[in-house]
N, C-alpha and C. Protein backbone atom coordinates (compact mmCIF):
# COMPACT_ATOMS: atom_id res chain seq x y z
N MET A 1 86.74 88.24 121.55
CA MET A 1 87.02 89.40 120.73
C MET A 1 85.86 89.65 119.78
N ALA A 2 85.51 90.87 119.63
CA ALA A 2 84.41 91.22 118.74
C ALA A 2 84.80 90.95 117.29
N GLY A 3 83.83 90.48 116.52
CA GLY A 3 84.06 90.29 115.10
C GLY A 3 84.53 88.91 114.69
N ILE A 4 84.89 88.04 115.64
CA ILE A 4 85.37 86.70 115.29
C ILE A 4 84.18 85.81 114.97
N LEU A 5 84.17 85.25 113.76
CA LEU A 5 83.09 84.35 113.33
C LEU A 5 83.49 82.89 113.48
N PHE A 6 84.78 82.60 113.31
CA PHE A 6 85.29 81.23 113.41
C PHE A 6 86.77 81.29 113.77
N GLU A 7 87.20 80.37 114.64
CA GLU A 7 88.61 80.28 114.98
C GLU A 7 88.92 78.85 115.40
N ASP A 8 89.97 78.28 114.85
CA ASP A 8 90.41 76.94 115.23
C ASP A 8 91.85 76.74 114.79
N ILE A 9 92.49 75.74 115.35
CA ILE A 9 93.84 75.35 114.97
C ILE A 9 93.72 74.14 114.06
N PHE A 10 94.46 74.17 112.94
CA PHE A 10 94.41 73.09 111.96
C PHE A 10 95.76 72.38 111.89
N ASP A 11 95.71 71.05 111.77
CA ASP A 11 96.89 70.21 111.56
C ASP A 11 96.99 69.89 110.08
N VAL A 12 98.18 70.04 109.50
CA VAL A 12 98.40 69.68 108.10
C VAL A 12 98.59 68.17 108.03
N LYS A 13 97.63 67.48 107.42
CA LYS A 13 97.64 66.02 107.34
C LYS A 13 98.24 65.50 106.04
N ASP A 14 98.14 66.28 104.97
CA ASP A 14 98.67 65.85 103.67
C ASP A 14 98.94 67.09 102.83
N ILE A 15 99.94 66.99 101.95
CA ILE A 15 100.29 68.09 101.05
C ILE A 15 100.33 67.55 99.63
N ASP A 16 99.58 68.17 98.75
CA ASP A 16 99.52 67.80 97.33
C ASP A 16 99.27 66.31 97.11
N PRO A 17 98.21 65.73 97.68
CA PRO A 17 97.98 64.29 97.52
C PRO A 17 97.68 63.88 96.08
N GLU A 18 97.17 64.79 95.26
CA GLU A 18 96.89 64.48 93.85
C GLU A 18 98.04 64.90 92.95
N GLY A 19 99.18 65.26 93.53
CA GLY A 19 100.32 65.72 92.76
C GLY A 19 100.40 67.23 92.73
N LYS A 20 101.58 67.74 92.52
CA LYS A 20 101.81 69.19 92.49
C LYS A 20 101.43 69.75 91.13
N LYS A 21 100.55 70.74 91.12
CA LYS A 21 100.06 71.31 89.87
C LYS A 21 100.73 72.65 89.53
N PHE A 22 101.24 73.35 90.55
CA PHE A 22 101.88 74.65 90.36
C PHE A 22 103.20 74.69 91.12
N ASP A 23 104.15 75.47 90.61
CA ASP A 23 105.48 75.53 91.23
C ASP A 23 105.46 76.13 92.63
N ARG A 24 104.70 77.19 92.81
CA ARG A 24 104.74 77.94 94.07
C ARG A 24 103.55 77.69 94.98
N VAL A 25 102.60 76.86 94.56
CA VAL A 25 101.38 76.65 95.34
C VAL A 25 101.25 75.18 95.70
N SER A 26 100.93 74.93 96.97
CA SER A 26 100.64 73.57 97.41
C SER A 26 99.23 73.51 97.95
N ARG A 27 98.59 72.37 97.78
CA ARG A 27 97.25 72.14 98.31
C ARG A 27 97.39 71.36 99.61
N LEU A 28 96.94 72.00 100.70
CA LEU A 28 97.03 71.39 102.02
C LEU A 28 95.71 70.74 102.38
N HIS A 29 95.77 69.53 102.90
CA HIS A 29 94.60 68.85 103.46
C HIS A 29 94.80 68.85 104.96
N CYS A 30 93.87 69.48 105.68
CA CYS A 30 94.04 69.73 107.10
C CYS A 30 92.82 69.27 107.89
N GLU A 31 93.02 69.12 109.21
CA GLU A 31 91.92 68.78 110.11
C GLU A 31 92.00 69.70 111.32
N SER A 32 90.85 70.23 111.74
CA SER A 32 90.84 71.15 112.88
C SER A 32 90.88 70.36 114.19
N GLU A 33 91.49 70.96 115.20
CA GLU A 33 91.62 70.30 116.49
C GLU A 33 90.31 70.29 117.27
N SER A 34 89.62 71.41 117.33
CA SER A 34 88.42 71.50 118.17
C SER A 34 87.19 70.87 117.54
N PHE A 35 86.97 71.14 116.26
CA PHE A 35 85.73 70.72 115.62
C PHE A 35 85.89 69.52 114.69
N LYS A 36 87.14 69.05 114.50
CA LYS A 36 87.43 67.92 113.60
C LYS A 36 86.91 68.16 112.19
N MET A 37 86.98 69.42 111.76
CA MET A 37 86.55 69.80 110.41
C MET A 37 87.69 69.54 109.43
N ASP A 38 87.35 69.18 108.20
CA ASP A 38 88.33 69.04 107.14
C ASP A 38 88.44 70.37 106.40
N LEU A 39 89.67 70.71 105.99
CA LEU A 39 89.92 71.94 105.25
C LEU A 39 90.90 71.63 104.14
N ILE A 40 90.58 72.07 102.93
CA ILE A 40 91.51 72.01 101.81
C ILE A 40 91.86 73.45 101.48
N LEU A 41 93.16 73.77 101.54
CA LEU A 41 93.60 75.15 101.41
C LEU A 41 94.79 75.22 100.46
N ASP A 42 94.71 76.10 99.47
CA ASP A 42 95.83 76.34 98.56
C ASP A 42 96.68 77.47 99.12
N VAL A 43 98.00 77.24 99.21
CA VAL A 43 98.91 78.18 99.86
C VAL A 43 100.13 78.43 98.97
N ASN A 44 100.53 79.69 98.85
CA ASN A 44 101.78 80.03 98.18
C ASN A 44 102.92 79.67 99.13
N ILE A 45 103.63 78.59 98.83
CA ILE A 45 104.64 78.08 99.75
C ILE A 45 105.94 78.87 99.73
N GLN A 46 106.10 79.79 98.77
CA GLN A 46 107.26 80.69 98.82
C GLN A 46 107.06 81.74 99.91
N ILE A 47 105.83 82.16 100.10
CA ILE A 47 105.53 83.17 101.12
C ILE A 47 105.30 82.52 102.47
N TYR A 48 104.55 81.42 102.48
CA TYR A 48 104.22 80.70 103.71
C TYR A 48 104.65 79.24 103.58
N PRO A 49 105.94 78.93 103.84
CA PRO A 49 106.36 77.53 103.73
C PRO A 49 105.65 76.68 104.77
N VAL A 50 105.15 75.52 104.34
CA VAL A 50 104.39 74.63 105.22
C VAL A 50 104.92 73.21 105.05
N ASP A 51 105.04 72.50 106.17
CA ASP A 51 105.48 71.11 106.15
C ASP A 51 104.39 70.22 106.72
N LEU A 52 104.46 68.95 106.37
CA LEU A 52 103.53 67.96 106.90
C LEU A 52 103.64 67.96 108.42
N GLY A 53 102.50 67.98 109.10
CA GLY A 53 102.49 67.99 110.56
C GLY A 53 102.49 69.38 111.18
N ASP A 54 102.69 70.41 110.37
CA ASP A 54 102.62 71.78 110.89
C ASP A 54 101.20 72.09 111.36
N LYS A 55 101.09 73.08 112.24
CA LYS A 55 99.79 73.56 112.72
C LYS A 55 99.70 75.04 112.42
N PHE A 56 98.48 75.49 112.16
CA PHE A 56 98.25 76.92 111.96
C PHE A 56 96.87 77.27 112.49
N ARG A 57 96.71 78.53 112.86
CA ARG A 57 95.43 79.02 113.36
C ARG A 57 94.71 79.73 112.23
N LEU A 58 93.45 79.36 111.99
CA LEU A 58 92.62 80.01 110.99
C LEU A 58 91.56 80.82 111.73
N VAL A 59 91.49 82.09 111.40
CA VAL A 59 90.50 82.98 112.01
C VAL A 59 89.73 83.66 110.90
N ILE A 60 88.41 83.58 110.98
CA ILE A 60 87.53 84.31 110.06
C ILE A 60 86.83 85.37 110.89
N ALA A 61 86.97 86.62 110.48
CA ALA A 61 86.43 87.73 111.26
C ALA A 61 85.64 88.67 110.36
N SER A 62 84.66 89.32 110.96
CA SER A 62 83.85 90.29 110.21
C SER A 62 84.57 91.63 110.09
N THR A 63 85.62 91.83 110.88
CA THR A 63 86.41 93.06 110.81
C THR A 63 87.83 92.75 111.24
N LEU A 64 88.77 93.52 110.73
CA LEU A 64 90.16 93.39 111.16
C LEU A 64 90.56 94.50 112.13
N TYR A 65 89.66 95.46 112.33
CA TYR A 65 89.98 96.58 113.21
C TYR A 65 89.88 96.17 114.66
N GLU A 66 90.86 96.59 115.47
CA GLU A 66 90.87 96.27 116.89
C GLU A 66 89.66 96.85 117.62
N ASP A 67 89.16 97.99 117.17
CA ASP A 67 88.03 98.61 117.85
C ASP A 67 86.69 98.01 117.44
N GLY A 68 86.70 97.03 116.52
CA GLY A 68 85.47 96.32 116.14
C GLY A 68 84.65 97.00 115.06
N THR A 69 85.09 98.15 114.56
CA THR A 69 84.31 98.82 113.51
C THR A 69 84.39 98.02 112.21
N LEU A 70 83.31 98.05 111.47
CA LEU A 70 83.25 97.32 110.22
C LEU A 70 83.90 98.11 109.09
N ASP A 71 84.38 97.39 108.11
CA ASP A 71 84.97 98.00 106.92
C ASP A 71 83.86 98.65 106.11
N ASP A 72 84.13 99.80 105.50
CA ASP A 72 83.09 100.48 104.72
C ASP A 72 83.02 99.97 103.28
N GLY A 73 83.87 99.01 102.92
CA GLY A 73 83.79 98.41 101.60
C GLY A 73 84.60 99.13 100.53
N GLU A 74 85.26 100.22 100.90
CA GLU A 74 86.07 100.95 99.94
C GLU A 74 87.51 100.99 100.41
N TYR A 75 88.44 100.80 99.48
CA TYR A 75 89.86 100.83 99.80
C TYR A 75 90.28 102.24 100.16
N ASN A 76 91.00 102.37 101.25
CA ASN A 76 91.51 103.67 101.69
C ASN A 76 92.99 103.50 102.03
N PRO A 77 93.89 103.88 101.14
CA PRO A 77 95.32 103.67 101.38
C PRO A 77 95.88 104.48 102.55
N THR A 78 95.15 105.49 103.01
CA THR A 78 95.62 106.29 104.14
C THR A 78 95.10 105.77 105.47
N ASP A 79 94.30 104.72 105.45
CA ASP A 79 93.76 104.15 106.69
C ASP A 79 94.88 103.43 107.43
N ASP A 80 95.30 104.00 108.54
CA ASP A 80 96.39 103.39 109.30
C ASP A 80 95.96 102.98 110.71
N ARG A 81 94.65 102.77 110.87
CA ARG A 81 94.17 102.31 112.17
C ARG A 81 94.79 100.96 112.49
N PRO A 82 95.09 100.71 113.77
CA PRO A 82 95.68 99.41 114.12
C PRO A 82 94.70 98.27 113.85
N SER A 83 95.25 97.15 113.40
CA SER A 83 94.43 95.97 113.15
C SER A 83 94.98 94.82 113.95
N ARG A 84 94.17 93.79 114.10
CA ARG A 84 94.64 92.58 114.77
C ARG A 84 95.18 91.61 113.73
N TYR A 85 95.88 90.61 114.14
CA TYR A 85 96.41 89.53 113.29
C TYR A 85 97.48 89.99 112.33
N GLY A 86 98.08 91.15 112.51
CA GLY A 86 99.19 91.56 111.67
C GLY A 86 98.86 91.84 110.23
N VAL A 87 97.61 92.21 109.95
CA VAL A 87 97.19 92.50 108.58
C VAL A 87 96.78 93.96 108.50
N THR A 88 97.20 94.65 107.46
CA THR A 88 96.77 96.02 107.27
C THR A 88 95.27 96.04 107.03
N ALA A 89 94.53 96.63 107.94
CA ALA A 89 93.07 96.52 107.94
C ALA A 89 92.42 97.10 106.71
N GLY A 90 92.95 98.16 106.15
CA GLY A 90 92.32 98.81 105.02
C GLY A 90 92.29 97.97 103.75
N VAL A 91 93.02 96.87 103.74
CA VAL A 91 93.11 96.06 102.53
C VAL A 91 92.26 94.79 102.64
N GLY A 92 91.88 94.39 103.81
CA GLY A 92 90.99 93.23 103.99
C GLY A 92 91.62 91.91 103.63
N GLY A 93 90.85 91.02 102.98
CA GLY A 93 91.30 89.67 102.67
C GLY A 93 92.53 89.63 101.81
N GLY A 94 92.76 90.65 101.00
CA GLY A 94 93.97 90.71 100.19
C GLY A 94 95.05 91.50 100.90
N GLY A 95 95.03 91.46 102.21
CA GLY A 95 95.88 92.30 103.04
C GLY A 95 97.36 92.04 102.91
N LYS A 96 98.12 93.01 103.35
CA LYS A 96 99.57 92.92 103.35
C LYS A 96 100.00 92.37 104.71
N VAL A 97 100.83 91.36 104.71
CA VAL A 97 101.30 90.77 105.96
C VAL A 97 102.46 91.61 106.47
N GLU A 98 102.36 92.00 107.73
CA GLU A 98 103.42 92.78 108.36
C GLU A 98 104.31 91.83 109.13
N ARG A 99 105.61 91.86 108.85
CA ARG A 99 106.54 90.95 109.55
C ARG A 99 107.28 91.66 110.63
C-alpha cells in the first residue's frame, strides 16, 4: 500500500511496570513480532482497553487517504474522502476513530 512507512504487530509484555501514574492512562511495554523492536506506548485505557498479552498492529503512514494523496497540512472539516484504518483522514494523527 502506498504511504506505509512502518507496520508491525506488537505484543503487550508489561503494563505500568513503574506503577500507575494516571487514572485513565496506562504505559504499555511491547515487543514487535517481525523486527523484535521494543515500544513504550501510553494509551487511554477507557477508550482502548488493553490487557497483558494482547496484540495490536501499529502502522505509520505518510498519508491516510486511500488514493495515496498527501495531506496539505490544513484542517478541512468538509473533507470526507475515504481513508484507510478507520480514521477520518482530514484530522490526521489526532483523528476520530470510526466504530
